[in-house]
């Protein structure tokens, strides 16, 4: 009986079955097997990692990869003491990483240690530094003050004159009377008004 286009054959697993990958002519690596090699298995012993990376995976048919999985033993080649150590609940947690070392022998990672092609780490760092930076005049800023300044697009060192100028600019930009009755920016206008009303009463702008 013909199989409808797009439907898996009844005697073959579908493409998502146990990680099946279409073989495209690749045969099972098990000697003598002529079934498609559609399931990935680790490289054979003795052909593992090299200086160029891990060894090539083997590809097996469903029956042979099932047999491989059934016979796999993580503890093969370990001594009794090594097996006991690996089975402890906190195995691997005794070793301190560089970032959490308590003896101070290792310095924390430097920015130069990271590759940041999209400027994601650096941009977040600059944002945090800007948030932590105080005003040049020494006046304190609360978290609400900083959020209001960010809403208005002002720096931490903005003064009352800059605050009023920016407020007037944004009101002209978002108010319906200045936009031919367009009311699509009313929520932005409300946020601007609330930010301004908060800041004009804040100690930093007194």
Protein backbone atom coordinates (compact mmCIF):
# COMPACT_ATOMS: atom_id res chain seq x y z
CA UNK A 1 0.00 0.00 0.00
CA UNK A 2 1.37 3.44 -0.91
CA UNK A 3 2.29 5.83 1.87
CA UNK A 4 0.88 9.36 1.63
CA UNK A 5 3.44 12.09 1.01
CA UNK A 6 4.77 13.55 4.27
CA UNK A 7 3.68 10.57 6.42
CA UNK A 8 6.34 8.29 7.99
CA UNK A 9 6.45 4.70 6.81
CA UNK A 10 4.70 2.45 9.32
CA UNK A 11 7.78 0.27 9.90
CA UNK A 12 10.14 3.23 10.35
CA UNK A 13 10.28 5.62 13.31
CA UNK A 14 9.42 9.22 12.60
CA UNK A 15 12.11 11.89 12.50
CA UNK A 16 11.69 12.75 16.18
CA UNK A 17 11.82 9.19 17.49
CA UNK A 18 14.75 8.86 19.92
CA UNK A 19 16.77 11.48 18.07
CA UNK A 20 16.52 9.85 14.66
CA UNK A 21 18.37 11.72 11.89
CA UNK A 22 17.67 10.96 8.24
CA UNK A 23 20.50 8.75 7.01
CA UNK A 24 20.67 9.95 3.39
CA UNK A 25 22.53 6.80 2.35
CA UNK A 26 24.57 6.40 5.55
CA UNK A 27 24.68 2.77 6.77
CA UNK A 28 24.82 1.47 10.33
CA UNK A 29 28.40 1.29 11.66
CA UNK A 30 27.83 -2.16 13.10
CA UNK A 31 29.85 -4.61 10.95
CA UNK A 32 27.63 -6.56 8.55
CA UNK A 33 24.52 -4.41 9.14
CA UNK A 34 22.90 -2.94 6.04
CA UNK A 35 20.24 -0.85 7.84
CA UNK A 36 20.40 2.97 7.68
CA UNK A 37 22.58 4.60 10.33
CA UNK A 38 20.08 7.06 11.80
CA UNK A 39 20.98 7.19 15.50
CA UNK A 40 24.13 8.76 16.91
CA UNK A 41 26.40 6.94 19.39
CA UNK A 42 29.73 7.91 21.00
CA UNK A 43 32.94 7.01 19.15
CA UNK A 44 34.37 3.55 19.63
CA UNK A 45 36.88 3.09 22.46
CA UNK A 46 40.32 4.24 21.41
CA UNK A 47 38.98 6.76 18.88
CA UNK A 48 37.83 9.42 21.31
CA UNK A 49 38.89 12.99 21.93
CA UNK A 50 42.04 14.36 20.29
CA UNK A 51 43.75 17.72 20.26
CA UNK A 52 41.27 18.77 17.57
CA UNK A 53 38.19 17.90 19.64
CA UNK A 54 36.04 14.81 20.29
CA UNK A 55 36.19 11.80 18.04
CA UNK A 56 33.66 11.24 15.30
CA UNK A 57 30.31 9.87 16.42
CA UNK A 58 29.14 6.53 15.16
CA UNK A 59 25.81 6.11 13.42
CA UNK A 60 23.70 3.03 14.10
CA UNK A 61 20.33 1.60 13.20
CA UNK A 62 17.61 1.53 15.84
CA UNK A 63 18.25 -2.07 16.93
CA UNK A 64 21.98 -1.63 17.31
CA UNK A 65 21.77 1.73 19.11
CA UNK A 66 19.30 0.13 21.53
CA UNK A 67 21.76 -2.69 22.16
CA UNK A 68 24.55 -0.16 22.66
CA UNK A 69 22.52 1.86 25.16
CA UNK A 70 21.50 -1.26 27.07
CA UNK A 71 25.15 -2.28 27.47
CA UNK A 72 26.54 1.18 28.29
CA UNK A 73 28.11 1.52 31.72
CA UNK A 74 29.38 4.89 32.92
CA UNK A 75 31.61 3.24 35.51
CA UNK A 76 33.48 0.96 33.13
CA UNK A 77 37.21 1.12 33.82
CA UNK A 78 36.86 2.78 37.23
CA UNK A 79 38.22 1.38 40.46
CA UNK A 80 35.94 0.71 43.43
CA UNK A 81 37.12 3.90 45.14
CA UNK A 82 36.53 5.95 41.98
CA UNK A 83 33.00 4.57 41.61
CA UNK A 84 32.24 5.36 45.27
CA UNK A 85 33.58 8.90 44.88
CA UNK A 86 31.55 9.50 41.69
CA UNK A 87 28.34 8.36 43.38
CA UNK A 88 28.55 10.78 46.29
CA UNK A 89 25.74 13.42 46.17
CA UNK A 90 28.26 16.28 46.38
CA UNK A 91 30.80 14.83 43.96
CA UNK A 92 32.52 17.61 42.04
CA UNK A 93 31.49 20.38 44.44
CA UNK A 94 34.65 20.26 46.56
CA UNK A 95 36.76 21.98 43.92
CA UNK A 96 36.60 25.78 44.05
CA UNK A 97 36.21 27.62 40.79
CA UNK A 98 38.24 30.74 40.10
CA UNK A 99 35.29 33.07 40.69
CA UNK A 100 34.58 31.61 44.15
CA UNK A 101 38.07 30.77 45.39
CA UNK A 102 38.44 31.66 49.08
CA UNK A 103 42.22 31.82 49.25
CA UNK A 104 42.54 34.78 46.91
CA UNK A 105 45.21 33.01 44.88
CA UNK A 106 43.28 33.34 41.66
CA UNK A 107 42.07 36.71 40.43
CA UNK A 108 38.51 37.04 39.13
CA UNK A 109 38.15 36.93 35.35
CA UNK A 110 39.04 40.11 33.49
CA UNK A 111 36.92 41.71 30.79
CA UNK A 112 39.68 40.80 28.35
CA UNK A 113 38.96 37.12 29.08
CA UNK A 114 35.56 37.35 27.39
CA UNK A 115 34.64 37.49 23.74
CA UNK A 116 31.71 39.89 23.43
CA UNK A 117 31.10 40.45 19.71
CA UNK A 118 27.55 41.73 20.24
CA UNK A 119 28.56 44.02 23.12
CA UNK A 120 25.99 42.28 25.33
CA UNK A 121 28.15 41.93 28.45
CA UNK A 122 29.82 45.33 28.13
CA UNK A 123 26.54 47.14 27.49
CA UNK A 124 24.98 45.64 30.60
CA UNK A 125 28.10 46.48 32.61
CA UNK A 126 27.99 50.11 31.47
CA UNK A 127 24.29 50.27 32.35
CA UNK A 128 24.96 48.93 35.85
CA UNK A 129 27.85 51.35 36.34
CA UNK A 130 25.66 54.25 35.24
CA UNK A 131 22.96 53.17 37.68
CA UNK A 132 25.47 52.94 40.54
CA UNK A 133 27.06 56.30 39.77
CA UNK A 134 25.95 59.13 42.03
CA UNK A 135 25.40 62.77 41.16
CA UNK A 136 28.37 65.10 40.89
CA UNK A 137 26.74 67.41 43.46
CA UNK A 138 26.51 64.55 45.96
CA UNK A 139 22.71 64.63 46.19
CA UNK A 140 21.28 61.13 46.66
CA UNK A 141 19.13 59.37 44.09
CA UNK A 142 16.58 56.72 45.00
CA UNK A 143 15.61 53.82 42.80
CA UNK A 144 12.41 55.67 41.84
CA UNK A 145 14.47 58.75 40.96
CA UNK A 146 16.66 56.70 38.62
CA UNK A 147 13.66 55.05 36.95
CA UNK A 148 12.03 58.45 36.39
CA UNK A 149 15.25 59.87 34.93
CA UNK A 150 15.52 56.88 32.61
CA UNK A 151 11.90 57.41 31.52
CA UNK A 152 12.72 61.00 30.58
CA UNK A 153 16.04 60.09 29.01
CA UNK A 154 18.04 62.21 31.46
CA UNK A 155 21.39 61.53 33.09
CA UNK A 156 21.88 61.28 36.84
CA UNK A 157 23.46 64.74 36.89
CA UNK A 158 20.53 66.55 35.25
CA UNK A 159 19.50 69.77 37.01
CA UNK A 160 16.08 71.43 37.39
CA UNK A 161 16.54 73.39 34.17
CA UNK A 162 17.31 70.22 32.19
CA UNK A 163 14.35 68.50 33.83
CA UNK A 164 11.88 71.25 32.85
CA UNK A 165 13.28 71.49 29.32
CA UNK A 166 13.05 67.77 28.74
CA UNK A 167 9.55 67.62 30.20
CA UNK A 168 8.34 70.40 27.88
CA UNK A 169 9.94 68.71 24.90
CA UNK A 170 8.26 65.35 25.57
CA UNK A 171 4.85 66.90 26.31
CA UNK A 172 4.96 68.69 22.95
CA UNK A 173 5.93 65.42 21.31
CA UNK A 174 3.20 63.23 22.84
CA UNK A 175 0.25 65.56 23.57
CA UNK A 176 -2.74 65.03 21.20
CA UNK A 177 -3.17 68.78 20.77
CA UNK A 178 0.29 68.88 19.17
CA UNK A 179 -0.34 65.82 17.00
CA UNK A 180 -3.57 66.65 15.22
CA UNK A 181 -5.67 64.86 17.83
CA UNK A 182 -3.67 61.62 17.57
CA UNK A 183 -4.23 59.91 20.93
CA UNK A 184 -1.97 56.90 20.36
CA UNK A 185 0.75 58.34 22.60
CA UNK A 186 -1.41 59.04 25.64
CA UNK A 187 0.18 56.26 27.71
CA UNK A 188 3.66 57.64 26.97
CA UNK A 189 2.46 61.13 27.87
CA UNK A 190 1.07 59.87 31.18
CA UNK A 191 4.38 58.18 31.99
CA UNK A 192 6.26 61.41 31.23
CA UNK A 193 3.96 63.45 33.47
CA UNK A 194 4.29 60.97 36.35
CA UNK A 195 8.09 60.90 36.03
CA UNK A 196 8.29 64.69 36.00
CA UNK A 197 5.93 65.10 38.96
CA UNK A 198 8.05 62.64 40.94
CA UNK A 199 11.39 64.26 40.12
CA UNK A 200 10.38 67.86 40.69
CA UNK A 201 9.61 66.95 44.31
CA UNK A 202 12.70 64.76 44.79
CA UNK A 203 15.50 66.01 47.11
CA UNK A 204 17.99 65.72 44.24
CA UNK A 205 16.13 68.49 42.39
CA UNK A 206 15.27 70.65 45.37
